Amino acid sequence: MLALSVIGCILAAILVMLLIPIHARFFYDCAVMKAHVRYLFIKYRFFPEKTGKKAVKKAEKKTEKEYDKQKQEEEAEPGGLKATLDTVKTLYTLLKSSTWALDYIRRRMVIYGVRVLVTVGGPDAHQTAVSYGRLSSAVYLGIEVLGRVFTIKTPDIRMAPDFLTESTKCEIAFGLRIQPMALVIAGANAF
C-alpha cells in the first residue's frame, strides 16, 4: 500500500509539473536583442550568449570542431539531385504527419505582454509622415494577422511621429507561454 501511495505522489507531481507553463520572453531595443526561457525557478538566457573566460574557451573549441566538420563535408562527395529530392520528400511527409500536432501547439500557445513602442523620425516632415503611415499600417496589420493565428493578450502599441529627430527608435517586447502537457500531447499524436 505504501508503494502505491509513493507512486501516486510521483505521478501527481509529474502531472503538476506538466501543467505549469513554460515562459519565453523576447526583447528588442533598436540594436540590442535579449531572449530567455523560464520554467518554474529555472531561467535560461539564450540570447545574447554569456561572455567570460569559460565562454571564450568554449567558443574557440566549438569553432575548431566546426572547421573540422566543414572540411570533412567538403571532402565528401555531394549526393546530387536524388539526395535532395529524398530529403524534400522526407520533410514533406514529416510535415504532413505533424499538421495536427503543430495546429494543436498553435492553439495552446499564448502570446502575452506584447509591447511595441516606436518613435518615427526622418530628414523632413513629409518623409517622417510617410514613414509613420507605412510603419503604423504594417505594425497594426501584423498584430491583427497574428491575433487571428495565435492568442494574443492585450497588445500595447504606441507609435508616434517625431518631426524633430532624424532617427527612428523602437522597442519591441513579447512573451510566449505554453504548457508542457500540450507539447507532450502534440508529440504523442504527431506520429
N, C-alpha and C. Protein backbone atom coordinates (compact mmCIF):
# COMPACT_ATOMS: atom_id res chain seq x y z
N MET A 1 0.82 -1.20 0.00
CA MET A 1 0.00 0.00 0.00
C MET A 1 0.86 1.26 0.00
N LEU A 2 1.97 1.20 0.71
CA LEU A 2 2.87 2.33 0.77
C LEU A 2 3.48 2.60 -0.61
N ALA A 3 3.79 1.54 -1.33
CA ALA A 3 4.37 1.70 -2.66
C ALA A 3 3.38 2.38 -3.61
N LEU A 4 2.11 2.02 -3.50
CA LEU A 4 1.10 2.65 -4.36
C LEU A 4 0.95 4.14 -4.05
N SER A 5 1.00 4.50 -2.77
CA SER A 5 0.88 5.91 -2.43
C SER A 5 2.10 6.70 -2.89
N VAL A 6 3.29 6.09 -2.83
CA VAL A 6 4.50 6.77 -3.32
C VAL A 6 4.41 6.95 -4.84
N ILE A 7 4.00 5.92 -5.55
CA ILE A 7 3.84 6.01 -7.00
C ILE A 7 2.78 7.06 -7.35
N GLY A 8 1.68 7.08 -6.60
CA GLY A 8 0.64 8.08 -6.83
C GLY A 8 1.15 9.50 -6.61
N CYS A 9 1.94 9.70 -5.57
CA CYS A 9 2.52 11.04 -5.31
C CYS A 9 3.47 11.44 -6.43
N ILE A 10 4.28 10.50 -6.92
CA ILE A 10 5.21 10.80 -8.00
C ILE A 10 4.44 11.17 -9.27
N LEU A 11 3.40 10.41 -9.59
CA LEU A 11 2.59 10.72 -10.77
C LEU A 11 1.88 12.06 -10.63
N ALA A 12 1.40 12.37 -9.43
CA ALA A 12 0.74 13.66 -9.20
C ALA A 12 1.74 14.81 -9.36
N ALA A 13 2.97 14.61 -8.87
CA ALA A 13 3.99 15.65 -9.03
C ALA A 13 4.34 15.86 -10.50
N ILE A 14 4.45 14.77 -11.27
CA ILE A 14 4.73 14.89 -12.70
C ILE A 14 3.59 15.61 -13.40
N LEU A 15 2.35 15.28 -13.05
CA LEU A 15 1.20 15.95 -13.66
C LEU A 15 1.20 17.44 -13.36
N VAL A 16 1.48 17.81 -12.13
CA VAL A 16 1.52 19.23 -11.76
C VAL A 16 2.63 19.94 -12.52
N MET A 17 3.79 19.30 -12.67
CA MET A 17 4.90 19.92 -13.39
C MET A 17 4.57 20.06 -14.87
N LEU A 18 3.76 19.17 -15.43
CA LEU A 18 3.37 19.29 -16.83
C LEU A 18 2.32 20.37 -17.04
N LEU A 19 1.64 20.76 -15.98
CA LEU A 19 0.61 21.80 -16.11
C LEU A 19 1.15 23.21 -15.86
N ILE A 20 2.34 23.33 -15.28
CA ILE A 20 2.94 24.64 -15.06
C ILE A 20 3.55 25.12 -16.38
N PRO A 21 3.18 26.30 -16.86
CA PRO A 21 3.61 26.73 -18.20
C PRO A 21 5.09 27.11 -18.30
N ILE A 22 5.58 26.98 -19.51
CA ILE A 22 6.93 27.44 -19.87
C ILE A 22 6.77 28.84 -20.44
N HIS A 23 7.62 29.76 -19.99
CA HIS A 23 7.56 31.14 -20.48
C HIS A 23 8.82 31.45 -21.27
N ALA A 24 8.64 32.05 -22.44
CA ALA A 24 9.77 32.55 -23.24
C ALA A 24 9.55 34.05 -23.41
N ARG A 25 10.57 34.83 -23.18
CA ARG A 25 10.46 36.29 -23.25
C ARG A 25 11.47 36.83 -24.25
N PHE A 26 11.04 37.74 -25.12
CA PHE A 26 11.88 38.34 -26.15
C PHE A 26 11.81 39.87 -26.02
N PHE A 27 12.96 40.51 -26.18
CA PHE A 27 13.02 41.97 -26.07
C PHE A 27 13.98 42.49 -27.13
N TYR A 28 13.56 43.51 -27.87
CA TYR A 28 14.39 44.14 -28.90
C TYR A 28 14.33 45.64 -28.71
N ASP A 29 15.50 46.28 -28.62
CA ASP A 29 15.58 47.73 -28.46
C ASP A 29 16.59 48.27 -29.47
N CYS A 30 16.11 48.70 -30.63
CA CYS A 30 16.90 49.24 -31.74
C CYS A 30 18.01 48.29 -32.21
N ALA A 31 19.02 48.06 -31.42
CA ALA A 31 20.11 47.20 -31.88
C ALA A 31 20.40 46.06 -30.91
N VAL A 32 19.74 46.03 -29.78
CA VAL A 32 20.02 45.04 -28.75
C VAL A 32 18.84 44.08 -28.65
N MET A 33 19.13 42.79 -28.73
CA MET A 33 18.08 41.79 -28.59
C MET A 33 18.41 40.91 -27.40
N LYS A 34 17.38 40.62 -26.59
CA LYS A 34 17.54 39.75 -25.44
C LYS A 34 16.42 38.72 -25.48
N ALA A 35 16.74 37.49 -25.06
CA ALA A 35 15.73 36.44 -25.03
C ALA A 35 16.09 35.43 -23.95
N HIS A 36 15.07 34.95 -23.24
CA HIS A 36 15.29 33.91 -22.25
C HIS A 36 14.05 33.04 -22.11
N VAL A 37 14.26 31.85 -21.58
CA VAL A 37 13.19 30.89 -21.31
C VAL A 37 13.17 30.64 -19.81
N ARG A 38 11.96 30.56 -19.24
CA ARG A 38 11.82 30.35 -17.80
C ARG A 38 10.80 29.24 -17.55
N TYR A 39 11.19 28.32 -16.70
CA TYR A 39 10.28 27.26 -16.25
C TYR A 39 10.48 27.11 -14.75
N LEU A 40 9.41 27.31 -13.98
CA LEU A 40 9.46 27.34 -12.53
C LEU A 40 10.49 28.38 -12.09
N PHE A 41 11.54 27.97 -11.40
CA PHE A 41 12.56 28.92 -10.95
C PHE A 41 13.82 28.87 -11.80
N ILE A 42 13.79 28.10 -12.87
CA ILE A 42 14.95 27.97 -13.75
C ILE A 42 14.81 28.96 -14.90
N LYS A 43 15.85 29.75 -15.11
CA LYS A 43 15.84 30.75 -16.18
C LYS A 43 17.08 30.53 -17.05
N TYR A 44 16.87 30.39 -18.36
CA TYR A 44 17.97 30.17 -19.29
C TYR A 44 17.99 31.29 -20.31
N ARG A 45 19.07 32.02 -20.33
CA ARG A 45 19.23 33.11 -21.30
C ARG A 45 19.93 32.54 -22.53
N PHE A 46 19.24 32.59 -23.68
CA PHE A 46 19.86 32.05 -24.88
C PHE A 46 20.27 33.12 -25.88
N PHE A 47 19.97 34.37 -25.62
CA PHE A 47 20.48 35.46 -26.45
C PHE A 47 20.49 36.72 -25.62
N PRO A 48 21.53 37.46 -25.50
CA PRO A 48 22.88 37.25 -26.01
C PRO A 48 23.58 36.16 -25.22
N GLU A 49 24.55 35.53 -25.85
CA GLU A 49 25.28 34.47 -25.18
C GLU A 49 26.15 35.05 -24.09
N LYS A 50 26.43 34.21 -23.08
CA LYS A 50 27.26 34.65 -21.97
C LYS A 50 28.68 34.90 -22.44
N THR A 51 29.30 35.88 -21.80
CA THR A 51 30.70 36.19 -22.11
C THR A 51 31.53 35.98 -20.85
N GLY A 52 32.76 35.66 -21.05
CA GLY A 52 33.67 35.39 -19.93
C GLY A 52 34.77 34.47 -20.41
N LYS A 53 35.70 34.14 -19.52
CA LYS A 53 36.83 33.31 -19.92
C LYS A 53 36.37 31.91 -20.35
N LYS A 54 35.46 31.31 -19.58
CA LYS A 54 34.99 29.97 -19.92
C LYS A 54 34.22 29.98 -21.24
N ALA A 55 33.41 31.00 -21.43
CA ALA A 55 32.62 31.08 -22.67
C ALA A 55 33.51 31.28 -23.88
N VAL A 56 34.60 32.06 -23.74
CA VAL A 56 35.52 32.29 -24.85
C VAL A 56 36.25 31.00 -25.21
N LYS A 57 36.71 30.26 -24.20
CA LYS A 57 37.39 28.99 -24.46
C LYS A 57 36.45 28.00 -25.13
N LYS A 58 35.22 27.95 -24.66
CA LYS A 58 34.24 27.04 -25.24
C LYS A 58 33.95 27.42 -26.69
N ALA A 59 33.87 28.72 -26.98
CA ALA A 59 33.63 29.17 -28.36
C ALA A 59 34.81 28.82 -29.25
N GLU A 60 36.05 28.92 -28.73
CA GLU A 60 37.23 28.56 -29.53
C GLU A 60 37.22 27.08 -29.87
N LYS A 61 36.89 26.23 -28.89
CA LYS A 61 36.81 24.79 -29.14
C LYS A 61 35.71 24.49 -30.15
N LYS A 62 34.61 25.20 -30.02
CA LYS A 62 33.49 24.98 -30.93
C LYS A 62 33.87 25.36 -32.36
N THR A 63 34.58 26.47 -32.52
CA THR A 63 34.96 26.88 -33.87
C THR A 63 35.95 25.90 -34.49
N GLU A 64 36.86 25.32 -33.69
CA GLU A 64 37.78 24.31 -34.21
C GLU A 64 37.02 23.07 -34.68
N LYS A 65 36.04 22.64 -33.88
CA LYS A 65 35.23 21.47 -34.24
C LYS A 65 34.42 21.75 -35.50
N GLU A 66 33.84 22.95 -35.58
CA GLU A 66 33.05 23.31 -36.76
C GLU A 66 33.93 23.35 -38.01
N TYR A 67 35.17 23.82 -37.87
CA TYR A 67 36.08 23.88 -39.00
C TYR A 67 36.40 22.47 -39.50
N ASP A 68 36.70 21.57 -38.56
CA ASP A 68 36.98 20.18 -38.94
C ASP A 68 35.78 19.52 -39.60
N LYS A 69 34.62 19.76 -39.06
CA LYS A 69 33.40 19.18 -39.62
C LYS A 69 33.13 19.72 -41.02
N GLN A 70 33.32 21.02 -41.22
CA GLN A 70 33.11 21.63 -42.52
C GLN A 70 34.11 21.08 -43.54
N LYS A 71 35.34 20.86 -43.12
CA LYS A 71 36.36 20.32 -44.01
C LYS A 71 35.99 18.90 -44.44
N GLN A 72 35.47 18.10 -43.51
CA GLN A 72 35.06 16.73 -43.83
C GLN A 72 33.88 16.74 -44.80
N GLU A 73 32.95 17.65 -44.61
CA GLU A 73 31.79 17.73 -45.50
C GLU A 73 32.22 18.14 -46.92
N GLU A 74 33.21 19.02 -47.02
CA GLU A 74 33.67 19.45 -48.33
C GLU A 74 34.37 18.30 -49.06
N GLU A 75 35.07 17.45 -48.32
CA GLU A 75 35.76 16.33 -48.93
C GLU A 75 34.80 15.23 -49.39
N ALA A 76 33.68 15.10 -48.70
CA ALA A 76 32.71 14.08 -49.07
C ALA A 76 32.06 14.47 -50.40
N GLU A 77 31.68 13.46 -51.15
CA GLU A 77 31.04 13.72 -52.44
C GLU A 77 29.61 14.18 -52.23
N PRO A 78 29.15 15.14 -53.01
CA PRO A 78 27.76 15.58 -52.88
C PRO A 78 26.81 14.50 -53.36
N GLY A 79 25.62 14.44 -52.73
CA GLY A 79 24.63 13.41 -53.05
C GLY A 79 23.91 13.68 -54.35
N GLY A 80 23.92 14.88 -54.82
CA GLY A 80 23.27 15.20 -56.07
C GLY A 80 21.79 15.48 -55.90
N LEU A 81 21.09 15.46 -57.02
CA LEU A 81 19.67 15.80 -57.06
C LEU A 81 18.82 14.76 -56.36
N LYS A 82 19.19 13.48 -56.48
CA LYS A 82 18.39 12.42 -55.86
C LYS A 82 18.37 12.56 -54.34
N ALA A 83 19.51 12.88 -53.73
CA ALA A 83 19.56 13.05 -52.28
C ALA A 83 18.71 14.25 -51.85
N THR A 84 18.74 15.31 -52.63
CA THR A 84 17.94 16.49 -52.31
C THR A 84 16.45 16.17 -52.40
N LEU A 85 16.05 15.44 -53.44
CA LEU A 85 14.64 15.06 -53.58
C LEU A 85 14.20 14.14 -52.46
N ASP A 86 15.06 13.22 -52.04
CA ASP A 86 14.73 12.34 -50.92
C ASP A 86 14.54 13.15 -49.63
N THR A 87 15.39 14.14 -49.43
CA THR A 87 15.27 15.00 -48.25
C THR A 87 13.97 15.79 -48.28
N VAL A 88 13.61 16.32 -49.44
CA VAL A 88 12.37 17.09 -49.58
C VAL A 88 11.16 16.18 -49.33
N LYS A 89 11.19 14.96 -49.86
CA LYS A 89 10.08 14.02 -49.62
C LYS A 89 9.95 13.68 -48.16
N THR A 90 11.08 13.46 -47.49
CA THR A 90 11.05 13.14 -46.06
C THR A 90 10.47 14.31 -45.26
N LEU A 91 10.91 15.52 -45.57
CA LEU A 91 10.39 16.70 -44.87
C LEU A 91 8.90 16.89 -45.13
N TYR A 92 8.46 16.62 -46.36
CA TYR A 92 7.05 16.76 -46.70
C TYR A 92 6.20 15.76 -45.92
N THR A 93 6.63 14.50 -45.85
CA THR A 93 5.86 13.50 -45.10
C THR A 93 5.86 13.81 -43.62
N LEU A 94 6.99 14.32 -43.10
CA LEU A 94 7.05 14.68 -41.69
C LEU A 94 6.10 15.84 -41.39
N LEU A 95 6.10 16.84 -42.26
CA LEU A 95 5.21 17.99 -42.07
C LEU A 95 3.75 17.58 -42.21
N LYS A 96 3.46 16.70 -43.18
CA LYS A 96 2.09 16.25 -43.39
C LYS A 96 1.58 15.45 -42.20
N SER A 97 2.44 14.63 -41.62
CA SER A 97 2.01 13.82 -40.49
C SER A 97 1.90 14.64 -39.21
N SER A 98 2.62 15.75 -39.12
CA SER A 98 2.58 16.53 -37.90
C SER A 98 1.72 17.78 -38.01
N THR A 99 0.86 17.86 -39.00
CA THR A 99 -0.01 19.04 -39.16
C THR A 99 -0.92 19.22 -37.95
N TRP A 100 -1.52 18.12 -37.48
CA TRP A 100 -2.42 18.21 -36.32
C TRP A 100 -1.64 18.67 -35.10
N ALA A 101 -0.43 18.14 -34.91
CA ALA A 101 0.36 18.50 -33.73
C ALA A 101 0.74 19.98 -33.75
N LEU A 102 1.15 20.48 -34.90
CA LEU A 102 1.51 21.90 -34.99
C LEU A 102 0.30 22.80 -34.75
N ASP A 103 -0.85 22.39 -35.28
CA ASP A 103 -2.07 23.16 -35.05
C ASP A 103 -2.46 23.14 -33.58
N TYR A 104 -2.30 21.98 -32.93
CA TYR A 104 -2.62 21.86 -31.51
C TYR A 104 -1.72 22.77 -30.68
N ILE A 105 -0.42 22.80 -31.00
CA ILE A 105 0.51 23.67 -30.29
C ILE A 105 0.16 25.13 -30.54
N ARG A 106 -0.18 25.48 -31.77
CA ARG A 106 -0.55 26.86 -32.10
C ARG A 106 -1.76 27.31 -31.30
N ARG A 107 -2.75 26.42 -31.14
CA ARG A 107 -3.94 26.80 -30.38
C ARG A 107 -3.68 26.92 -28.89
N ARG A 108 -2.70 26.21 -28.37
CA ARG A 108 -2.40 26.25 -26.94
C ARG A 108 -1.39 27.33 -26.56
N MET A 109 -0.69 27.90 -27.54
CA MET A 109 0.31 28.91 -27.26
C MET A 109 -0.35 30.27 -27.07
N VAL A 110 0.09 30.98 -26.05
CA VAL A 110 -0.44 32.31 -25.75
C VAL A 110 0.70 33.32 -25.85
N ILE A 111 0.47 34.38 -26.61
CA ILE A 111 1.43 35.48 -26.70
C ILE A 111 0.93 36.57 -25.76
N TYR A 112 1.75 36.95 -24.80
CA TYR A 112 1.33 37.92 -23.80
C TYR A 112 2.37 39.03 -23.67
N GLY A 113 1.98 40.11 -23.04
CA GLY A 113 2.91 41.21 -22.79
C GLY A 113 3.48 41.83 -24.05
N VAL A 114 2.67 41.89 -25.12
CA VAL A 114 3.16 42.48 -26.37
C VAL A 114 3.24 43.99 -26.19
N ARG A 115 4.45 44.52 -26.38
CA ARG A 115 4.65 45.96 -26.25
C ARG A 115 5.46 46.44 -27.44
N VAL A 116 4.90 47.35 -28.20
CA VAL A 116 5.58 47.94 -29.35
C VAL A 116 5.59 49.45 -29.14
N LEU A 117 6.78 50.01 -28.94
CA LEU A 117 6.93 51.45 -28.76
C LEU A 117 7.83 51.95 -29.89
N VAL A 118 7.27 52.78 -30.76
CA VAL A 118 8.02 53.27 -31.92
C VAL A 118 7.87 54.78 -32.02
N THR A 119 9.00 55.46 -32.19
CA THR A 119 9.03 56.88 -32.48
C THR A 119 9.68 57.03 -33.84
N VAL A 120 8.92 57.49 -34.82
CA VAL A 120 9.39 57.57 -36.20
C VAL A 120 9.93 58.96 -36.48
N GLY A 121 11.15 59.02 -37.00
CA GLY A 121 11.77 60.28 -37.37
C GLY A 121 12.21 60.24 -38.82
N GLY A 122 12.56 61.37 -39.37
CA GLY A 122 13.00 61.44 -40.76
C GLY A 122 13.70 62.75 -41.04
N PRO A 123 14.29 62.86 -42.23
CA PRO A 123 15.03 64.08 -42.56
C PRO A 123 14.14 65.32 -42.68
N ASP A 124 12.91 65.14 -43.12
CA ASP A 124 11.98 66.28 -43.19
C ASP A 124 10.59 65.80 -42.75
N ALA A 125 9.68 66.75 -42.60
CA ALA A 125 8.35 66.43 -42.08
C ALA A 125 7.58 65.51 -43.01
N HIS A 126 7.69 65.72 -44.30
CA HIS A 126 6.97 64.88 -45.26
C HIS A 126 7.44 63.43 -45.17
N GLN A 127 8.75 63.23 -45.17
CA GLN A 127 9.30 61.87 -45.11
C GLN A 127 8.94 61.20 -43.78
N THR A 128 8.92 61.95 -42.69
CA THR A 128 8.54 61.40 -41.40
C THR A 128 7.09 60.95 -41.42
N ALA A 129 6.20 61.76 -41.99
CA ALA A 129 4.78 61.40 -42.04
C ALA A 129 4.54 60.16 -42.91
N VAL A 130 5.23 60.09 -44.05
CA VAL A 130 5.08 58.92 -44.92
C VAL A 130 5.61 57.66 -44.23
N SER A 131 6.77 57.76 -43.60
CA SER A 131 7.35 56.61 -42.89
C SER A 131 6.45 56.18 -41.74
N TYR A 132 5.89 57.14 -41.01
CA TYR A 132 4.98 56.83 -39.91
C TYR A 132 3.74 56.11 -40.43
N GLY A 133 3.16 56.56 -41.52
CA GLY A 133 1.97 55.91 -42.08
C GLY A 133 2.25 54.49 -42.52
N ARG A 134 3.36 54.29 -43.21
CA ARG A 134 3.70 52.93 -43.67
C ARG A 134 3.99 52.00 -42.51
N LEU A 135 4.77 52.48 -41.54
CA LEU A 135 5.14 51.64 -40.42
C LEU A 135 3.94 51.32 -39.53
N SER A 136 3.08 52.30 -39.29
CA SER A 136 1.92 52.02 -38.44
C SER A 136 0.95 51.07 -39.12
N SER A 137 0.77 51.19 -40.42
CA SER A 137 -0.12 50.24 -41.09
C SER A 137 0.48 48.84 -41.07
N ALA A 138 1.80 48.71 -41.23
CA ALA A 138 2.44 47.39 -41.18
C ALA A 138 2.34 46.78 -39.78
N VAL A 139 2.56 47.58 -38.75
CA VAL A 139 2.53 47.05 -37.38
C VAL A 139 1.11 46.63 -37.00
N TYR A 140 0.13 47.47 -37.26
CA TYR A 140 -1.24 47.14 -36.89
C TYR A 140 -1.76 45.95 -37.70
N LEU A 141 -1.41 45.88 -38.96
CA LEU A 141 -1.81 44.74 -39.78
C LEU A 141 -1.14 43.46 -39.29
N GLY A 142 0.14 43.55 -38.94
CA GLY A 142 0.86 42.38 -38.42
C GLY A 142 0.27 41.88 -37.12
N ILE A 143 -0.09 42.79 -36.22
CA ILE A 143 -0.70 42.38 -34.95
C ILE A 143 -2.07 41.75 -35.21
N GLU A 144 -2.82 42.28 -36.15
CA GLU A 144 -4.14 41.72 -36.47
C GLU A 144 -4.01 40.31 -37.04
N VAL A 145 -3.06 40.10 -37.94
CA VAL A 145 -2.85 38.77 -38.52
C VAL A 145 -2.39 37.80 -37.44
N LEU A 146 -1.45 38.21 -36.60
CA LEU A 146 -1.00 37.34 -35.51
C LEU A 146 -2.14 37.03 -34.55
N GLY A 147 -3.03 38.00 -34.33
CA GLY A 147 -4.17 37.79 -33.44
C GLY A 147 -5.15 36.78 -33.99
N ARG A 148 -5.22 36.64 -35.29
CA ARG A 148 -6.10 35.63 -35.89
C ARG A 148 -5.48 34.24 -35.87
N VAL A 149 -4.15 34.18 -35.84
CA VAL A 149 -3.46 32.88 -35.85
C VAL A 149 -3.20 32.39 -34.43
N PHE A 150 -2.71 33.28 -33.56
CA PHE A 150 -2.38 32.94 -32.18
C PHE A 150 -3.32 33.67 -31.23
N THR A 151 -3.26 33.28 -29.97
CA THR A 151 -3.98 34.00 -28.93
C THR A 151 -3.06 35.08 -28.39
N ILE A 152 -3.46 36.35 -28.54
CA ILE A 152 -2.65 37.47 -28.07
C ILE A 152 -3.43 38.18 -26.97
N LYS A 153 -2.77 38.36 -25.82
CA LYS A 153 -3.39 39.06 -24.70
C LYS A 153 -3.04 40.54 -24.76
N THR A 154 -4.01 41.38 -24.96
CA THR A 154 -3.96 42.85 -24.94
C THR A 154 -2.61 43.46 -25.33
N PRO A 155 -2.37 43.63 -26.62
CA PRO A 155 -1.11 44.26 -27.05
C PRO A 155 -1.11 45.75 -26.72
N ASP A 156 0.05 46.26 -26.36
CA ASP A 156 0.24 47.68 -26.07
C ASP A 156 1.08 48.26 -27.20
N ILE A 157 0.43 48.98 -28.10
CA ILE A 157 1.12 49.54 -29.26
C ILE A 157 1.08 51.06 -29.15
N ARG A 158 2.25 51.65 -29.13
CA ARG A 158 2.36 53.11 -29.07
C ARG A 158 3.29 53.56 -30.18
N MET A 159 2.73 54.27 -31.13
CA MET A 159 3.51 54.78 -32.25
C MET A 159 3.27 56.28 -32.36
N ALA A 160 4.34 57.01 -32.63
CA ALA A 160 4.21 58.46 -32.76
C ALA A 160 5.28 58.99 -33.71
N PRO A 161 4.92 59.99 -34.51
CA PRO A 161 5.94 60.64 -35.35
C PRO A 161 6.71 61.67 -34.52
N ASP A 162 7.99 61.78 -34.79
CA ASP A 162 8.82 62.78 -34.14
C ASP A 162 9.46 63.61 -35.23
N PHE A 163 8.93 64.81 -35.42
CA PHE A 163 9.37 65.66 -36.52
C PHE A 163 10.69 66.39 -36.23
N LEU A 164 11.22 66.26 -35.03
CA LEU A 164 12.43 66.98 -34.65
C LEU A 164 13.69 66.14 -34.77
N THR A 165 13.56 64.82 -34.80
CA THR A 165 14.74 63.96 -34.92
C THR A 165 14.78 63.27 -36.27
N GLU A 166 15.95 62.81 -36.66
CA GLU A 166 16.09 62.15 -37.94
C GLU A 166 16.16 60.63 -37.81
N SER A 167 16.16 60.11 -36.60
CA SER A 167 16.28 58.66 -36.43
C SER A 167 14.99 58.08 -35.88
N THR A 168 14.79 56.82 -36.17
CA THR A 168 13.63 56.09 -35.68
C THR A 168 14.06 55.23 -34.50
N LYS A 169 13.30 55.28 -33.42
CA LYS A 169 13.60 54.50 -32.23
C LYS A 169 12.47 53.48 -32.03
N CYS A 170 12.86 52.26 -31.68
CA CYS A 170 11.83 51.24 -31.47
C CYS A 170 12.19 50.37 -30.28
N GLU A 171 11.15 49.83 -29.69
CA GLU A 171 11.29 48.88 -28.59
C GLU A 171 10.16 47.86 -28.73
N ILE A 172 10.53 46.61 -28.86
CA ILE A 172 9.54 45.55 -29.04
C ILE A 172 9.79 44.49 -27.98
N ALA A 173 8.74 44.08 -27.28
CA ALA A 173 8.86 43.04 -26.28
C ALA A 173 7.60 42.19 -26.31
N PHE A 174 7.77 40.89 -26.14
CA PHE A 174 6.63 39.99 -26.02
C PHE A 174 7.07 38.69 -25.36
N GLY A 175 6.09 37.94 -24.91
CA GLY A 175 6.37 36.66 -24.28
C GLY A 175 5.48 35.57 -24.85
N LEU A 176 5.95 34.35 -24.78
CA LEU A 176 5.18 33.18 -25.20
C LEU A 176 4.98 32.30 -23.99
N ARG A 177 3.81 31.68 -23.92
CA ARG A 177 3.51 30.80 -22.80
C ARG A 177 2.81 29.55 -23.34
N ILE A 178 3.30 28.38 -22.92
CA ILE A 178 2.67 27.13 -23.31
C ILE A 178 2.92 26.11 -22.21
N GLN A 179 1.95 25.24 -22.02
CA GLN A 179 2.09 24.19 -21.02
C GLN A 179 2.85 23.01 -21.61
N PRO A 180 3.75 22.41 -20.83
CA PRO A 180 4.47 21.23 -21.32
C PRO A 180 3.52 20.08 -21.67
N MET A 181 2.37 20.02 -21.02
CA MET A 181 1.40 18.96 -21.32
C MET A 181 0.94 19.05 -22.79
N ALA A 182 0.77 20.27 -23.29
CA ALA A 182 0.38 20.44 -24.69
C ALA A 182 1.46 19.92 -25.62
N LEU A 183 2.72 20.16 -25.27
CA LEU A 183 3.83 19.65 -26.09
C LEU A 183 3.89 18.13 -26.06
N VAL A 184 3.63 17.55 -24.89
CA VAL A 184 3.64 16.08 -24.77
C VAL A 184 2.51 15.48 -25.58
N ILE A 185 1.31 16.05 -25.49
CA ILE A 185 0.17 15.53 -26.26
C ILE A 185 0.42 15.67 -27.76
N ALA A 186 0.93 16.82 -28.17
CA ALA A 186 1.21 17.02 -29.60
C ALA A 186 2.29 16.06 -30.08
N GLY A 187 3.30 15.85 -29.28
CA GLY A 187 4.36 14.92 -29.66
C GLY A 187 3.87 13.49 -29.73
N ALA A 188 2.99 13.11 -28.83
CA ALA A 188 2.47 11.75 -28.82
C ALA A 188 1.56 11.50 -30.03
N ASN A 189 0.83 12.51 -30.45
CA ASN A 189 -0.10 12.34 -31.57
C ASN A 189 0.51 12.69 -32.91
N ALA A 190 1.76 13.16 -32.93
CA ALA A 190 2.38 13.56 -34.20
C ALA A 190 2.66 12.38 -35.09
N PHE A 191 2.95 11.23 -34.47
CA PHE A 191 3.32 10.08 -35.29
C PHE A 191 2.35 9.00 -35.10
